[in-house]
Amino acid sequence: MLTPALREDVVVHPVLFGLGACCLLLAGAFFWSAAGRDRARFRTTLVLSTMATSLRPLRGALQSKVRAQVGACFLMAAGLLGGLAVTVSWQLPAWLLPVGVGALVGLSLLLLFLQNRYVENAMRRYVQAHLREFPFSFEDNLALTREIGDLFGIGGQTEDTVESYVHKLRQRLGLKDSPSKLFGRRTPHYPV
C-alpha cells in the first residue's frame, strides 16, 4: 500500500508521493542518458595531440551538460514533492496522479526536443567563435569541413569544388579567405 504511516499522525499523500516518484524516475533517466558521451575517445585525441575529425564529441558534451541540468531539476522537483507528501494534508483527487505523470512525461519529451535545438545553436556559437579566434585549414580537413558546413546549413552541390565550398563556408562564418597557397602562407596586401 502506498500510504504507510511514518508516525501515527503523519500519513504520506499518495498522489504527491507518486508524482515525486515519477520525477525521481525521470531524473534518473536524464542522468543515465547524460553519462559517458564519447569522452574517452575525445580525451584520447587530446592526450595524443591529434586533430579531432568530428564534431561528435562537442555535441555529446553539450547534450550531457543539458541532460544533467534537466535531471537535476527533476531531482529537485522529486524532493519537493516528497517533502510535500509527508507534510501537507491536502485532499487531491486520485485522477491527478495519472494526469500529472502524463504531464511530466510530456514535459520531458518537450525538453528533449528543446535540448536538441539548444545544442545545435550552442554548437554553432562555439564553433564560430573558435574559428574566428584560431586559424583552421578547411582544405586539409575535408570531413570535418563538411560536418561544419552541415552544421551551418551549407550543403555541398555536385558542381562545388573544394575551394568554392570552403569560400561559401568562410563567408557564412564571417571569416577571411585563407592566403593563397600559390604565393605562400602570408597575409594578403588587400582587404577582404
C-alpha atoms as a PDB file:
ATOM      1  CA  MET A   1       0.000   0.000   0.000  1.00  0.00           C
ATOM      2  CA  LEU A   2       1.305   3.493  -0.887  1.00  0.00           C
ATOM      3  CA  THR A   3       0.176   5.210   2.316  1.00  0.00           C
ATOM      4  CA  PRO A   4       2.240   3.722   5.142  1.00  0.00           C
ATOM      5  CA  ALA A   5       2.192   5.779   8.321  1.00  0.00           C
ATOM      6  CA  LEU A   6       5.540   7.204   9.412  1.00  0.00           C
ATOM      7  CA  ARG A   7       4.043   8.030  12.753  1.00  0.00           C
ATOM      8  CA  GLU A   8       0.504   7.719  13.989  1.00  0.00           C
ATOM      9  CA  ASP A   9      -0.371  11.256  12.902  1.00  0.00           C
ATOM     10  CA  VAL A  10       1.709  11.519   9.682  1.00  0.00           C
ATOM     11  CA  VAL A  11       0.360   9.947   6.506  1.00  0.00           C
ATOM     12  CA  VAL A  12       2.082  10.025   3.128  1.00  0.00           C
ATOM     13  CA  HIS A  13      -0.124  11.578   0.465  1.00  0.00           C
ATOM     14  CA  PRO A  14      -0.262   9.009  -2.370  1.00  0.00           C
ATOM     15  CA  VAL A  15      -0.739  11.484  -5.267  1.00  0.00           C
ATOM     16  CA  LEU A  16       2.167  13.719  -4.259  1.00  0.00           C
ATOM     17  CA  PHE A  17       4.305  10.697  -3.446  1.00  0.00           C
ATOM     18  CA  GLY A  18       3.532   9.179  -6.871  1.00  0.00           C
ATOM     19  CA  LEU A  19       4.370  12.423  -8.686  1.00  0.00           C
ATOM     20  CA  GLY A  20       7.614  12.667  -6.730  1.00  0.00           C
ATOM     21  CA  ALA A  21       8.478   9.088  -7.651  1.00  0.00           C
ATOM     22  CA  CYS A  22       7.786   9.888 -11.317  1.00  0.00           C
ATOM     23  CA  CYS A  23      10.098  12.930 -11.115  1.00  0.00           C
ATOM     24  CA  LEU A  24      12.742  10.738  -9.499  1.00  0.00           C
ATOM     25  CA  LEU A  25      12.496   8.188 -12.322  1.00  0.00           C
ATOM     26  CA  LEU A  26      12.714  10.934 -14.962  1.00  0.00           C
ATOM     27  CA  ALA A  27      15.728  12.442 -13.185  1.00  0.00           C
ATOM     28  CA  GLY A  28      17.411   9.043 -13.243  1.00  0.00           C
ATOM     29  CA  ALA A  29      16.663   8.658 -16.947  1.00  0.00           C
ATOM     30  CA  PHE A  30      18.154  12.056 -17.757  1.00  0.00           C
ATOM     31  CA  PHE A  31      21.225  11.423 -15.594  1.00  0.00           C
ATOM     32  CA  TRP A  32      21.692   7.994 -17.161  1.00  0.00           C
ATOM     33  CA  SER A  33      21.468   9.408 -20.695  1.00  0.00           C
ATOM     34  CA  ALA A  34      23.968  12.148 -19.770  1.00  0.00           C
ATOM     35  CA  ALA A  35      26.709   9.764 -18.670  1.00  0.00           C
ATOM     36  CA  GLY A  36      29.738   8.995 -20.848  1.00  0.00           C
ATOM     37  CA  ARG A  37      29.135  10.535 -24.255  1.00  0.00           C
ATOM     38  CA  ASP A  38      32.346   9.857 -26.247  1.00  0.00           C
ATOM     39  CA  ARG A  39      34.540  11.450 -23.609  1.00  0.00           C
ATOM     40  CA  ALA A  40      37.172   8.698 -23.644  1.00  0.00           C
ATOM     41  CA  ARG A  41      37.631   8.943 -27.397  1.00  0.00           C
ATOM     42  CA  PHE A  42      37.881  12.748 -27.238  1.00  0.00           C
ATOM     43  CA  ARG A  43      40.340  12.633 -24.332  1.00  0.00           C
ATOM     44  CA  THR A  44      42.485  10.196 -26.308  1.00  0.00           C
ATOM     45  CA  THR A  45      42.578  12.750 -29.122  1.00  0.00           C
ATOM     46  CA  LEU A  46      43.715  15.415 -26.668  1.00  0.00           C
ATOM     47  CA  VAL A  47      46.321  13.219 -24.963  1.00  0.00           C
ATOM     48  CA  LEU A  48      47.863  12.052 -28.226  1.00  0.00           C
ATOM     49  CA  SER A  49      47.752  15.605 -29.653  1.00  0.00           C
ATOM     50  CA  THR A  50      45.916  14.551 -32.777  1.00  0.00           C
ATOM     51  CA  MET A  51      43.300  16.572 -34.575  1.00  0.00           C
ATOM     52  CA  ALA A  52      39.635  15.900 -33.917  1.00  0.00           C
ATOM     53  CA  THR A  53      37.942  14.521 -37.005  1.00  0.00           C
ATOM     54  CA  SER A  54      34.342  15.074 -35.954  1.00  0.00           C
ATOM     55  CA  LEU A  55      32.087  17.443 -34.033  1.00  0.00           C
ATOM     56  CA  ARG A  56      30.505  14.454 -32.264  1.00  0.00           C
ATOM     57  CA  PRO A  57      32.467  14.918 -29.006  1.00  0.00           C
ATOM     58  CA  LEU A  58      31.331  18.546 -28.782  1.00  0.00           C
ATOM     59  CA  ARG A  59      27.718  17.559 -29.401  1.00  0.00           C
ATOM     60  CA  GLY A  60      27.970  14.773 -26.817  1.00  0.00           C
ATOM     61  CA  ALA A  61      29.458  17.077 -24.182  1.00  0.00           C
ATOM     62  CA  LEU A  62      26.758  19.694 -24.719  1.00  0.00           C
ATOM     63  CA  GLN A  63      23.981  17.108 -24.626  1.00  0.00           C
ATOM     64  CA  SER A  64      25.441  15.619 -21.479  1.00  0.00           C
ATOM     65  CA  LYS A  65      25.543  19.011 -19.783  1.00  0.00           C
ATOM     66  CA  VAL A  66      21.954  19.882 -20.706  1.00  0.00           C
ATOM     67  CA  ARG A  67      20.572  16.473 -19.750  1.00  0.00           C
ATOM     68  CA  ALA A  68      22.343  16.600 -16.383  1.00  0.00           C
ATOM     69  CA  GLN A  69      20.814  20.022 -15.725  1.00  0.00           C
ATOM     70  CA  VAL A  70      17.322  18.757 -16.620  1.00  0.00           C
ATOM     71  CA  GLY A  71      17.915  15.705 -14.416  1.00  0.00           C
ATOM     72  CA  ALA A  72      18.881  17.992 -11.530  1.00  0.00           C
ATOM     73  CA  CYS A  73      15.631  19.951 -11.976  1.00  0.00           C
ATOM     74  CA  PHE A  74      13.587  16.741 -11.898  1.00  0.00           C
ATOM     75  CA  LEU A  75      15.536  15.577  -8.839  1.00  0.00           C
ATOM     76  CA  MET A  76      14.753  18.849  -7.074  1.00  0.00           C
ATOM     77  CA  ALA A  77      11.074  18.525  -8.019  1.00  0.00           C
ATOM     78  CA  ALA A  78      11.068  14.953  -6.657  1.00  0.00           C
ATOM     79  CA  GLY A  79      12.483  16.183  -3.361  1.00  0.00           C
ATOM     80  CA  LEU A  80       9.913  18.952  -3.113  1.00  0.00           C
ATOM     81  CA  LEU A  81       7.011  16.624  -3.924  1.00  0.00           C
ATOM     82  CA  GLY A  82       8.317  14.013  -1.485  1.00  0.00           C
ATOM     83  CA  GLY A  83       8.559  16.640   1.228  1.00  0.00           C
ATOM     84  CA  LEU A  84       5.059  17.865   0.485  1.00  0.00           C
ATOM     85  CA  ALA A  85       3.755  14.298   0.518  1.00  0.00           C
ATOM     86  CA  VAL A  86       4.602  13.933   4.215  1.00  0.00           C
ATOM     87  CA  THR A  87       3.963  17.484   5.421  1.00  0.00           C
ATOM     88  CA  VAL A  88       0.683  18.646   3.872  1.00  0.00           C
ATOM     89  CA  SER A  89      -2.760  17.227   4.265  1.00  0.00           C
ATOM     90  CA  TRP A  90      -4.349  18.367   1.037  1.00  0.00           C
ATOM     91  CA  GLN A  91      -7.256  16.464  -0.402  1.00  0.00           C
ATOM     92  CA  LEU A  92      -6.168  15.862  -4.005  1.00  0.00           C
ATOM     93  CA  PRO A  93      -8.277  13.730  -6.333  1.00  0.00           C
ATOM     94  CA  ALA A  94      -6.835  10.362  -7.345  1.00  0.00           C
ATOM     95  CA  TRP A  95      -7.137  11.161 -11.065  1.00  0.00           C
ATOM     96  CA  LEU A  96      -4.459  13.842 -10.594  1.00  0.00           C
ATOM     97  CA  LEU A  97      -1.740  11.174 -10.384  1.00  0.00           C
ATOM     98  CA  PRO A  98      -2.094   9.729 -13.941  1.00  0.00           C
ATOM     99  CA  VAL A  99      -2.694  13.215 -15.368  1.00  0.00           C
ATOM    100  CA  GLY A 100       0.371  14.543 -13.556  1.00  0.00           C
ATOM    101  CA  VAL A 101       2.526  11.620 -14.680  1.00  0.00           C
ATOM    102  CA  GLY A 102       1.383  12.180 -18.264  1.00  0.00           C
ATOM    103  CA  ALA A 103       2.179  15.885 -17.972  1.00  0.00           C
ATOM    104  CA  LEU A 104       5.646  15.151 -16.564  1.00  0.00           C
ATOM    105  CA  VAL A 105       6.408  12.657 -19.348  1.00  0.00           C
ATOM    106  CA  GLY A 106       5.149  15.182 -21.923  1.00  0.00           C
ATOM    107  CA  LEU A 107       7.325  17.867 -20.336  1.00  0.00           C
ATOM    108  CA  SER A 108      10.371  15.599 -20.507  1.00  0.00           C
ATOM    109  CA  LEU A 109       9.736  14.894 -24.214  1.00  0.00           C
ATOM    110  CA  LEU A 110       9.371  18.620 -24.876  1.00  0.00           C
ATOM    111  CA  LEU A 111      12.631  19.251 -23.010  1.00  0.00           C
ATOM    112  CA  LEU A 112      14.396  16.609 -25.134  1.00  0.00           C
ATOM    113  CA  PHE A 113      13.179  18.357 -28.288  1.00  0.00           C
ATOM    114  CA  LEU A 114      14.240  21.776 -26.995  1.00  0.00           C
ATOM    115  CA  GLN A 115      17.560  20.329 -25.846  1.00  0.00           C
ATOM    116  CA  ASN A 116      18.397  19.224 -29.381  1.00  0.00           C
ATOM    117  CA  ARG A 117      17.672  22.707 -30.725  1.00  0.00           C
ATOM    118  CA  TYR A 118      19.696  24.326 -27.937  1.00  0.00           C
ATOM    119  CA  VAL A 119      22.657  22.032 -28.567  1.00  0.00           C
ATOM    120  CA  GLU A 120      22.666  22.812 -32.313  1.00  0.00           C
ATOM    121  CA  ASN A 121      22.566  26.575 -31.645  1.00  0.00           C
ATOM    122  CA  ALA A 122      25.251  26.325 -28.956  1.00  0.00           C
ATOM    123  CA  MET A 123      27.471  24.281 -31.278  1.00  0.00           C
ATOM    124  CA  ARG A 124      27.157  26.958 -33.960  1.00  0.00           C
ATOM    125  CA  ARG A 125      28.127  29.664 -31.468  1.00  0.00           C
ATOM    126  CA  TYR A 126      31.096  27.732 -30.062  1.00  0.00           C
ATOM    127  CA  VAL A 127      32.433  26.592 -33.434  1.00  0.00           C
ATOM    128  CA  GLN A 128      32.082  30.047 -34.991  1.00  0.00           C
ATOM    129  CA  ALA A 129      33.777  31.735 -32.016  1.00  0.00           C
ATOM    130  CA  HIS A 130      36.606  29.190 -32.083  1.00  0.00           C
ATOM    131  CA  LEU A 131      37.164  29.504 -35.827  1.00  0.00           C
ATOM    132  CA  ARG A 132      37.222  33.299 -35.599  1.00  0.00           C
ATOM    133  CA  GLU A 133      39.892  33.150 -32.905  1.00  0.00           C
ATOM    134  CA  PHE A 134      42.078  30.285 -34.127  1.00  0.00           C
ATOM    135  CA  PRO A 135      43.129  29.538 -37.715  1.00  0.00           C
ATOM    136  CA  PHE A 136      41.833  26.329 -39.230  1.00  0.00           C
ATOM    137  CA  SER A 137      42.785  24.732 -42.529  1.00  0.00           C
ATOM    138  CA  PHE A 138      39.475  23.704 -44.053  1.00  0.00           C
ATOM    139  CA  GLU A 139      41.188  22.354 -47.163  1.00  0.00           C
ATOM    140  CA  ASP A 140      43.297  19.910 -45.143  1.00  0.00           C
ATOM    141  CA  ASN A 141      40.372  18.542 -43.077  1.00  0.00           C
ATOM    142  CA  LEU A 142      37.612  17.830 -45.587  1.00  0.00           C
ATOM    143  CA  ALA A 143      35.487  15.503 -43.449  1.00  0.00           C
ATOM    144  CA  LEU A 144      35.395  17.979 -40.564  1.00  0.00           C
ATOM    145  CA  THR A 145      34.829  20.832 -43.042  1.00  0.00           C
ATOM    146  CA  ARG A 146      31.757  19.011 -44.418  1.00  0.00           C
ATOM    147  CA  GLU A 147      30.453  18.476 -40.900  1.00  0.00           C
ATOM    148  CA  ILE A 148      30.941  22.168 -40.067  1.00  0.00           C
ATOM    149  CA  GLY A 149      29.216  23.071 -43.333  1.00  0.00           C
ATOM    150  CA  ASP A 150      26.263  20.831 -42.477  1.00  0.00           C
ATOM    151  CA  LEU A 151      26.062  22.432 -39.033  1.00  0.00           C
ATOM    152  CA  PHE A 152      25.769  25.868 -40.646  1.00  0.00           C
ATOM    153  CA  GLY A 153      23.355  24.719 -43.352  1.00  0.00           C
ATOM    154  CA  ILE A 154      25.737  24.737 -46.283  1.00  0.00           C
ATOM    155  CA  GLY A 155      25.003  21.742 -48.444  1.00  0.00           C
ATOM    156  CA  GLY A 156      27.563  20.607 -50.944  1.00  0.00           C
ATOM    157  CA  GLN A 157      26.484  20.874 -54.565  1.00  0.00           C
ATOM    158  CA  THR A 158      27.837  18.483 -57.189  1.00  0.00           C
ATOM    159  CA  GLU A 159      29.373  21.394 -59.112  1.00  0.00           C
ATOM    160  CA  ASP A 160      31.155  22.734 -55.997  1.00  0.00           C
ATOM    161  CA  THR A 161      34.900  22.457 -55.884  1.00  0.00           C
ATOM    162  CA  VAL A 162      36.710  22.282 -52.561  1.00  0.00           C
ATOM    163  CA  GLU A 163      37.712  25.930 -52.964  1.00  0.00           C
ATOM    164  CA  SER A 164      34.177  27.143 -53.737  1.00  0.00           C
ATOM    165  CA  TYR A 165      32.698  25.146 -50.857  1.00  0.00           C
ATOM    166  CA  VAL A 166      35.309  26.468 -48.425  1.00  0.00           C
ATOM    167  CA  HIS A 167      34.721  30.005 -49.726  1.00  0.00           C
ATOM    168  CA  LYS A 168      30.959  29.684 -49.050  1.00  0.00           C
ATOM    169  CA  LEU A 169      31.664  28.275 -45.600  1.00  0.00           C
ATOM    170  CA  ARG A 170      34.090  31.081 -44.768  1.00  0.00           C
ATOM    171  CA  GLN A 171      31.520  33.655 -45.900  1.00  0.00           C
ATOM    172  CA  ARG A 172      28.820  32.066 -43.726  1.00  0.00           C
ATOM    173  CA  LEU A 173      31.174  32.049 -40.726  1.00  0.00           C
ATOM    174  CA  GLY A 174      32.352  35.618 -41.345  1.00  0.00           C
ATOM    175  CA  LEU A 175      35.983  34.566 -41.843  1.00  0.00           C
ATOM    176  CA  LYS A 176      38.541  35.979 -44.250  1.00  0.00           C
ATOM    177  CA  ASP A 177      39.600  33.766 -47.112  1.00  0.00           C
ATOM    178  CA  SER A 178      42.834  31.950 -46.374  1.00  0.00           C
ATOM    179  CA  PRO A 179      46.005  33.147 -48.055  1.00  0.00           C
ATOM    180  CA  SER A 180      46.699  31.568 -51.400  1.00  0.00           C
ATOM    181  CA  LYS A 181      48.926  28.500 -51.332  1.00  0.00           C
ATOM    182  CA  LEU A 182      50.258  29.568 -54.719  1.00  0.00           C
ATOM    183  CA  PHE A 183      52.052  32.553 -53.203  1.00  0.00           C
ATOM    184  CA  GLY A 184      52.854  31.017 -49.844  1.00  0.00           C
ATOM    185  CA  ARG A 185      51.205  31.406 -46.465  1.00  0.00           C
ATOM    186  CA  ARG A 186      51.352  35.128 -45.915  1.00  0.00           C
ATOM    187  CA  THR A 187      48.798  37.792 -45.237  1.00  0.00           C
ATOM    188  CA  PRO A 188      47.458  39.292 -48.451  1.00  0.00           C
ATOM    189  CA  HIS A 189      48.094  43.007 -49.046  1.00  0.00           C
ATOM    190  CA  TYR A 190      44.483  43.740 -49.865  1.00  0.00           C
ATOM    191  CA  PRO A 191      41.459  43.779 -47.518  1.00  0.00           C
ATOM    192  CA  VAL A 192      38.913  41.051 -47.831  1.00  0.00           C
END
